[in-house]
Amino acid sequence: MLNNIGLPGLLLIAVVVLVLFGRGKISSLMGEVGKGITAFKRGVEDGKNEIEEASATNARDVTPEEQRDRA
């Protein structure tokens, strides 16, 4: 069913949405979507940084204790 929408169908859907919601409402909605995407990307990056910091903190020195005492 959705395989044969095409460009005219998409344009018709866009016009109907614009008429129903108005330009201002759609503009504010797209702004909120943009903020959500930005927050999601920031969260993914923060999570990645936390994992890297945790793995660096948990990395241990594999030098035998006898050699560490001599150094």
PDB file of N, CA and C in Angstrom:
ATOM      1  N   MET A   1       0.811  -1.191   0.000  1.00  0.00           N
ATOM      2  CA  MET A   1       0.000   0.000   0.000  1.00  0.00           C
ATOM      3  C   MET A   1       0.858   1.260   0.000  1.00  0.00           C
ATOM      4  N   LEU A   2       1.891   1.312   0.839  1.00  0.00           N
ATOM      5  CA  LEU A   2       2.738   2.491   0.912  1.00  0.00           C
ATOM      6  C   LEU A   2       3.786   2.533  -0.190  1.00  0.00           C
ATOM      7  N   ASN A   3       3.909   1.483  -0.965  1.00  0.00           N
ATOM      8  CA  ASN A   3       4.934   1.448  -2.006  1.00  0.00           C
ATOM      9  C   ASN A   3       4.600   2.354  -3.183  1.00  0.00           C
ATOM     10  N   ASN A   4       3.343   2.674  -3.405  1.00  0.00           N
ATOM     11  CA  ASN A   4       2.964   3.437  -4.588  1.00  0.00           C
ATOM     12  C   ASN A   4       2.456   4.839  -4.266  1.00  0.00           C
ATOM     13  N   ILE A   5       2.918   5.453  -3.177  1.00  0.00           N
ATOM     14  CA  ILE A   5       2.481   6.806  -2.830  1.00  0.00           C
ATOM     15  C   ILE A   5       3.065   7.799  -3.833  1.00  0.00           C
ATOM     16  N   GLY A   6       4.347   7.808  -4.016  1.00  0.00           N
ATOM     17  CA  GLY A   6       4.989   8.689  -4.979  1.00  0.00           C
ATOM     18  C   GLY A   6       5.039  10.136  -4.528  1.00  0.00           C
ATOM     19  N   LEU A   7       5.618  10.971  -5.372  1.00  0.00           N
ATOM     20  CA  LEU A   7       5.783  12.384  -5.059  1.00  0.00           C
ATOM     21  C   LEU A   7       4.446  13.130  -4.972  1.00  0.00           C
ATOM     22  N   PRO A   8       3.511  12.922  -5.885  1.00  0.00           N
ATOM     23  CA  PRO A   8       2.229  13.637  -5.748  1.00  0.00           C
ATOM     24  C   PRO A   8       1.488  13.296  -4.453  1.00  0.00           C
ATOM     25  N   GLY A   9       1.550  12.071  -4.033  1.00  0.00           N
ATOM     26  CA  GLY A   9       0.905  11.668  -2.784  1.00  0.00           C
ATOM     27  C   GLY A   9       1.546  12.330  -1.584  1.00  0.00           C
ATOM     28  N   LEU A  10       2.881  12.381  -1.585  1.00  0.00           N
ATOM     29  CA  LEU A  10       3.581  13.034  -0.481  1.00  0.00           C
ATOM     30  C   LEU A  10       3.271  14.520  -0.429  1.00  0.00           C
ATOM     31  N   LEU A  11       3.190  15.171  -1.591  1.00  0.00           N
ATOM     32  CA  LEU A  11       2.838  16.587  -1.631  1.00  0.00           C
ATOM     33  C   LEU A  11       1.427  16.819  -1.110  1.00  0.00           C
ATOM     34  N   LEU A  12       0.517  15.944  -1.467  1.00  0.00           N
ATOM     35  CA  LEU A  12      -0.861  16.061  -0.982  1.00  0.00           C
ATOM     36  C   LEU A  12      -0.917  15.907   0.531  1.00  0.00           C
ATOM     37  N   ILE A  13      -0.194  14.953   1.059  1.00  0.00           N
ATOM     38  CA  ILE A  13      -0.146  14.747   2.511  1.00  0.00           C
ATOM     39  C   ILE A  13       0.433  15.975   3.195  1.00  0.00           C
ATOM     40  N   ALA A  14       1.512  16.550   2.634  1.00  0.00           N
ATOM     41  CA  ALA A  14       2.136  17.741   3.214  1.00  0.00           C
ATOM     42  C   ALA A  14       1.158  18.913   3.227  1.00  0.00           C
ATOM     43  N   VAL A  15       0.413  19.101   2.159  1.00  0.00           N
ATOM     44  CA  VAL A  15      -0.561  20.193   2.089  1.00  0.00           C
ATOM     45  C   VAL A  15      -1.666  19.990   3.122  1.00  0.00           C
ATOM     46  N   VAL A  16      -2.166  18.789   3.257  1.00  0.00           N
ATOM     47  CA  VAL A  16      -3.222  18.509   4.225  1.00  0.00           C
ATOM     48  C   VAL A  16      -2.731  18.772   5.645  1.00  0.00           C
ATOM     49  N   VAL A  17      -1.521  18.327   5.951  1.00  0.00           N
ATOM     50  CA  VAL A  17      -0.959  18.561   7.286  1.00  0.00           C
ATOM     51  C   VAL A  17      -0.799  20.052   7.529  1.00  0.00           C
ATOM     52  N   LEU A  18      -0.315  20.778   6.533  1.00  0.00           N
ATOM     53  CA  LEU A  18      -0.145  22.221   6.668  1.00  0.00           C
ATOM     54  C   LEU A  18      -1.476  22.916   6.913  1.00  0.00           C
ATOM     55  N   VAL A  19      -2.521  22.511   6.212  1.00  0.00           N
ATOM     56  CA  VAL A  19      -3.842  23.115   6.386  1.00  0.00           C
ATOM     57  C   VAL A  19      -4.396  22.778   7.772  1.00  0.00           C
ATOM     58  N   LEU A  20      -4.226  21.550   8.215  1.00  0.00           N
ATOM     59  CA  LEU A  20      -4.789  21.140   9.500  1.00  0.00           C
ATOM     60  C   LEU A  20      -4.096  21.814  10.685  1.00  0.00           C
ATOM     61  N   PHE A  21      -2.780  21.872  10.658  1.00  0.00           N
ATOM     62  CA  PHE A  21      -2.034  22.350  11.826  1.00  0.00           C
ATOM     63  C   PHE A  21      -1.565  23.792  11.711  1.00  0.00           C
ATOM     64  N   GLY A  22      -1.421  24.315  10.528  1.00  0.00           N
ATOM     65  CA  GLY A  22      -0.952  25.687  10.369  1.00  0.00           C
ATOM     66  C   GLY A  22       0.560  25.765  10.388  1.00  0.00           C
ATOM     67  N   ARG A  23       1.060  26.834   9.795  1.00  0.00           N
ATOM     68  CA  ARG A  23       2.506  26.997   9.650  1.00  0.00           C
ATOM     69  C   ARG A  23       3.217  27.152  10.994  1.00  0.00           C
ATOM     70  N   GLY A  24       2.644  27.914  11.899  1.00  0.00           N
ATOM     71  CA  GLY A  24       3.288  28.168  13.190  1.00  0.00           C
ATOM     72  C   GLY A  24       3.435  26.912  14.027  1.00  0.00           C
ATOM     73  N   LYS A  25       2.402  26.102  14.044  1.00  0.00           N
ATOM     74  CA  LYS A  25       2.434  24.869  14.839  1.00  0.00           C
ATOM     75  C   LYS A  25       3.473  23.892  14.284  1.00  0.00           C
ATOM     76  N   ILE A  26       3.533  23.762  12.974  1.00  0.00           N
ATOM     77  CA  ILE A  26       4.506  22.854  12.354  1.00  0.00           C
ATOM     78  C   ILE A  26       5.921  23.358  12.592  1.00  0.00           C
ATOM     79  N   SER A  27       6.115  24.675  12.508  1.00  0.00           N
ATOM     80  CA  SER A  27       7.432  25.259  12.748  1.00  0.00           C
ATOM     81  C   SER A  27       7.910  24.978  14.172  1.00  0.00           C
ATOM     82  N   SER A  28       7.040  25.181  15.143  1.00  0.00           N
ATOM     83  CA  SER A  28       7.427  24.927  16.532  1.00  0.00           C
ATOM     84  C   SER A  28       7.663  23.438  16.772  1.00  0.00           C
ATOM     85  N   LEU A  29       6.883  22.594  16.109  1.00  0.00           N
ATOM     86  CA  LEU A  29       7.064  21.152  16.245  1.00  0.00           C
ATOM     87  C   LEU A  29       8.422  20.711  15.695  1.00  0.00           C
ATOM     88  N   MET A  30       8.797  21.254  14.543  1.00  0.00           N
ATOM     89  CA  MET A  30      10.095  20.906  13.953  1.00  0.00           C
ATOM     90  C   MET A  30      11.247  21.420  14.816  1.00  0.00           C
ATOM     91  N   GLY A  31      11.044  22.575  15.463  1.00  0.00           N
ATOM     92  CA  GLY A  31      12.061  23.082  16.388  1.00  0.00           C
ATOM     93  C   GLY A  31      12.259  22.142  17.555  1.00  0.00           C
ATOM     94  N   GLU A  32      11.163  21.629  18.084  1.00  0.00           N
ATOM     95  CA  GLU A  32      11.255  20.675  19.200  1.00  0.00           C
ATOM     96  C   GLU A  32      11.909  19.363  18.767  1.00  0.00           C
ATOM     97  N   VAL A  33      11.615  18.922  17.550  1.00  0.00           N
ATOM     98  CA  VAL A  33      12.244  17.704  17.034  1.00  0.00           C
ATOM     99  C   VAL A  33      13.753  17.919  16.917  1.00  0.00           C
ATOM    100  N   GLY A  34      14.163  19.076  16.434  1.00  0.00           N
ATOM    101  CA  GLY A  34      15.591  19.389  16.322  1.00  0.00           C
ATOM    102  C   GLY A  34      16.276  19.399  17.677  1.00  0.00           C
ATOM    103  N   LYS A  35      15.615  19.993  18.684  1.00  0.00           N
ATOM    104  CA  LYS A  35      16.179  20.006  20.034  1.00  0.00           C
ATOM    105  C   LYS A  35      16.300  18.586  20.581  1.00  0.00           C
ATOM    106  N   GLY A  36      15.300  17.750  20.300  1.00  0.00           N
ATOM    107  CA  GLY A  36      15.340  16.361  20.767  1.00  0.00           C
ATOM    108  C   GLY A  36      16.477  15.579  20.133  1.00  0.00           C
ATOM    109  N   ILE A  37      16.707  15.785  18.837  1.00  0.00           N
ATOM    110  CA  ILE A  37      17.796  15.101  18.153  1.00  0.00           C
ATOM    111  C   ILE A  37      19.133  15.548  18.720  1.00  0.00           C
ATOM    112  N   THR A  38      19.279  16.853  18.970  1.00  0.00           N
ATOM    113  CA  THR A  38      20.521  17.375  19.546  1.00  0.00           C
ATOM    114  C   THR A  38      20.767  16.790  20.933  1.00  0.00           C
ATOM    115  N   ALA A  39      19.719  16.733  21.756  1.00  0.00           N
ATOM    116  CA  ALA A  39      19.861  16.172  23.103  1.00  0.00           C
ATOM    117  C   ALA A  39      20.210  14.687  23.040  1.00  0.00           C
ATOM    118  N   PHE A  40      19.632  13.964  22.090  1.00  0.00           N
ATOM    119  CA  PHE A  40      19.938  12.547  21.944  1.00  0.00           C
ATOM    120  C   PHE A  40      21.402  12.346  21.567  1.00  0.00           C
ATOM    121  N   LYS A  41      21.894  13.130  20.610  1.00  0.00           N
ATOM    122  CA  LYS A  41      23.296  13.016  20.196  1.00  0.00           C
ATOM    123  C   LYS A  41      24.225  13.345  21.357  1.00  0.00           C
ATOM    124  N   ARG A  42      23.878  14.375  22.136  1.00  0.00           N
ATOM    125  CA  ARG A  42      24.702  14.750  23.278  1.00  0.00           C
ATOM    126  C   ARG A  42      24.710  13.628  24.313  1.00  0.00           C
ATOM    127  N   GLY A  43      23.559  13.008  24.537  1.00  0.00           N
ATOM    128  CA  GLY A  43      23.477  11.902  25.489  1.00  0.00           C
ATOM    129  C   GLY A  43      24.297  10.708  25.053  1.00  0.00           C
ATOM    130  N   VAL A  44      24.271  10.395  23.757  1.00  0.00           N
ATOM    131  CA  VAL A  44      25.065   9.281  23.242  1.00  0.00           C
ATOM    132  C   VAL A  44      26.550   9.575  23.433  1.00  0.00           C
ATOM    133  N   GLU A  45      26.959  10.800  23.135  1.00  0.00           N
ATOM    134  CA  GLU A  45      28.369  11.179  23.285  1.00  0.00           C
ATOM    135  C   GLU A  45      28.789  11.131  24.756  1.00  0.00           C
ATOM    136  N   ASP A  46      27.929  11.617  25.665  1.00  0.00           N
ATOM    137  CA  ASP A  46      28.241  11.567  27.097  1.00  0.00           C
ATOM    138  C   ASP A  46      28.356  10.124  27.580  1.00  0.00           C
ATOM    139  N   GLY A  47      27.467   9.263  27.114  1.00  0.00           N
ATOM    140  CA  GLY A  47      27.537   7.851  27.488  1.00  0.00           C
ATOM    141  C   GLY A  47      28.817   7.204  27.004  1.00  0.00           C
ATOM    142  N   LYS A  48      29.220   7.548  25.776  1.00  0.00           N
ATOM    143  CA  LYS A  48      30.456   7.014  25.226  1.00  0.00           C
ATOM    144  C   LYS A  48      31.658   7.470  26.059  1.00  0.00           C
ATOM    145  N   ASN A  49      31.645   8.760  26.447  1.00  0.00           N
ATOM    146  CA  ASN A  49      32.738   9.291  27.261  1.00  0.00           C
ATOM    147  C   ASN A  49      32.785   8.624  28.629  1.00  0.00           C
ATOM    148  N   GLU A  50      31.621   8.373  29.232  1.00  0.00           N
ATOM    149  CA  GLU A  50      31.589   7.700  30.530  1.00  0.00           C
ATOM    150  C   GLU A  50      32.161   6.292  30.444  1.00  0.00           C
ATOM    151  N   ILE A  51      31.819   5.583  29.384  1.00  0.00           N
ATOM    152  CA  ILE A  51      32.335   4.225  29.211  1.00  0.00           C
ATOM    153  C   ILE A  51      33.841   4.250  29.032  1.00  0.00           C
ATOM    154  N   GLU A  52      34.347   5.193  28.226  1.00  0.00           N
ATOM    155  CA  GLU A  52      35.790   5.286  28.017  1.00  0.00           C
ATOM    156  C   GLU A  52      36.515   5.639  29.313  1.00  0.00           C
ATOM    157  N   GLU A  53      35.953   6.567  30.095  1.00  0.00           N
ATOM    158  CA  GLU A  53      36.569   6.940  31.369  1.00  0.00           C
ATOM    159  C   GLU A  53      36.561   5.769  32.348  1.00  0.00           C
ATOM    160  N   ALA A  54      35.462   5.028  32.380  1.00  0.00           N
ATOM    161  CA  ALA A  54      35.372   3.888  33.295  1.00  0.00           C
ATOM    162  C   ALA A  54      36.372   2.802  32.911  1.00  0.00           C
ATOM    163  N   SER A  55      36.523   2.573  31.608  1.00  0.00           N
ATOM    164  CA  SER A  55      37.472   1.544  31.194  1.00  0.00           C
ATOM    165  C   SER A  55      38.904   1.995  31.451  1.00  0.00           C
ATOM    166  N   ALA A  56      39.177   3.300  31.323  1.00  0.00           N
ATOM    167  CA  ALA A  56      40.522   3.801  31.614  1.00  0.00           C
ATOM    168  C   ALA A  56      40.798   3.720  33.112  1.00  0.00           C
ATOM    169  N   THR A  57      39.778   3.986  33.922  1.00  0.00           N
ATOM    170  CA  THR A  57      39.946   3.908  35.372  1.00  0.00           C
ATOM    171  C   THR A  57      40.144   2.460  35.816  1.00  0.00           C
ATOM    172  N   ASN A  58      39.431   1.549  35.184  1.00  0.00           N
ATOM    173  CA  ASN A  58      39.514   0.146  35.569  1.00  0.00           C
ATOM    174  C   ASN A  58      40.722  -0.561  34.967  1.00  0.00           C
ATOM    175  N   ALA A  59      41.411   0.114  34.040  1.00  0.00           N
ATOM    176  CA  ALA A  59      42.603  -0.505  33.472  1.00  0.00           C
ATOM    177  C   ALA A  59      43.626  -0.643  34.593  1.00  0.00           C
ATOM    178  N   ARG A  60      44.199  -1.789  34.704  1.00  0.00           N
ATOM    179  CA  ARG A  60      45.117  -1.998  35.818  1.00  0.00           C
ATOM    180  C   ARG A  60      46.526  -2.227  35.313  1.00  0.00           C
ATOM    181  N   ASP A  61      47.446  -1.988  36.176  1.00  0.00           N
ATOM    182  CA  ASP A  61      48.855  -2.194  35.863  1.00  0.00           C
ATOM    183  C   ASP A  61      49.137  -3.687  35.936  1.00  0.00           C
ATOM    184  N   VAL A  62      49.643  -4.238  34.847  1.00  0.00           N
ATOM    185  CA  VAL A  62      49.891  -5.687  34.817  1.00  0.00           C
ATOM    186  C   VAL A  62      51.343  -6.025  35.147  1.00  0.00           C
ATOM    187  N   THR A  63      52.098  -5.027  35.581  1.00  0.00           N
ATOM    188  CA  THR A  63      53.481  -5.282  35.979  1.00  0.00           C
ATOM    189  C   THR A  63      53.467  -6.079  37.286  1.00  0.00           C
ATOM    190  N   PRO A  64      54.270  -7.115  37.377  1.00  0.00           N
ATOM    191  CA  PRO A  64      54.318  -7.874  38.633  1.00  0.00           C
ATOM    192  C   PRO A  64      54.701  -6.975  39.799  1.00  0.00           C
ATOM    193  N   GLU A  65      54.205  -7.295  40.996  1.00  0.00           N
ATOM    194  CA  GLU A  65      54.439  -6.458  42.175  1.00  0.00           C
ATOM    195  C   GLU A  65      55.921  -6.336  42.504  1.00  0.00           C
ATOM    196  N   GLU A  66      56.679  -7.388  42.279  1.00  0.00           N
ATOM    197  CA  GLU A  66      58.107  -7.351  42.596  1.00  0.00           C
ATOM    198  C   GLU A  66      58.819  -6.271  41.795  1.00  0.00           C
ATOM    199  N   GLN A  67      58.468  -6.141  40.514  1.00  0.00           N
ATOM    200  CA  GLN A  67      59.112  -5.128  39.681  1.00  0.00           C
ATOM    201  C   GLN A  67      58.603  -3.728  40.027  1.00  0.00           C
ATOM    202  N   ARG A  68      57.370  -3.596  40.447  1.00  0.00           N
ATOM    203  CA  ARG A  68      56.829  -2.289  40.817  1.00  0.00           C
ATOM    204  C   ARG A  68      57.520  -1.799  42.076  1.00  0.00           C
ATOM    205  N   ASP A  69      57.828  -2.720  43.028  1.00  0.00           N
ATOM    206  CA  ASP A  69      58.467  -2.326  44.276  1.00  0.00           C
ATOM    207  C   ASP A  69      59.880  -1.821  44.023  1.00  0.00           C
ATOM    208  N   ARG A  70      60.551  -2.384  43.041  1.00  0.00           N
ATOM    209  CA  ARG A  70      61.924  -1.982  42.741  1.00  0.00           C
ATOM    210  C   ARG A  70      61.980  -0.620  42.054  1.00  0.00           C
ATOM    211  N   ALA A  71      60.959  -0.270  41.349  1.00  0.00           N
ATOM    212  CA  ALA A  71      60.988   0.969  40.561  1.00  0.00           C
ATOM    213  C   ALA A  71      60.830   2.209  41.372  1.00  0.00           C
TER     214      ALA A  71
END
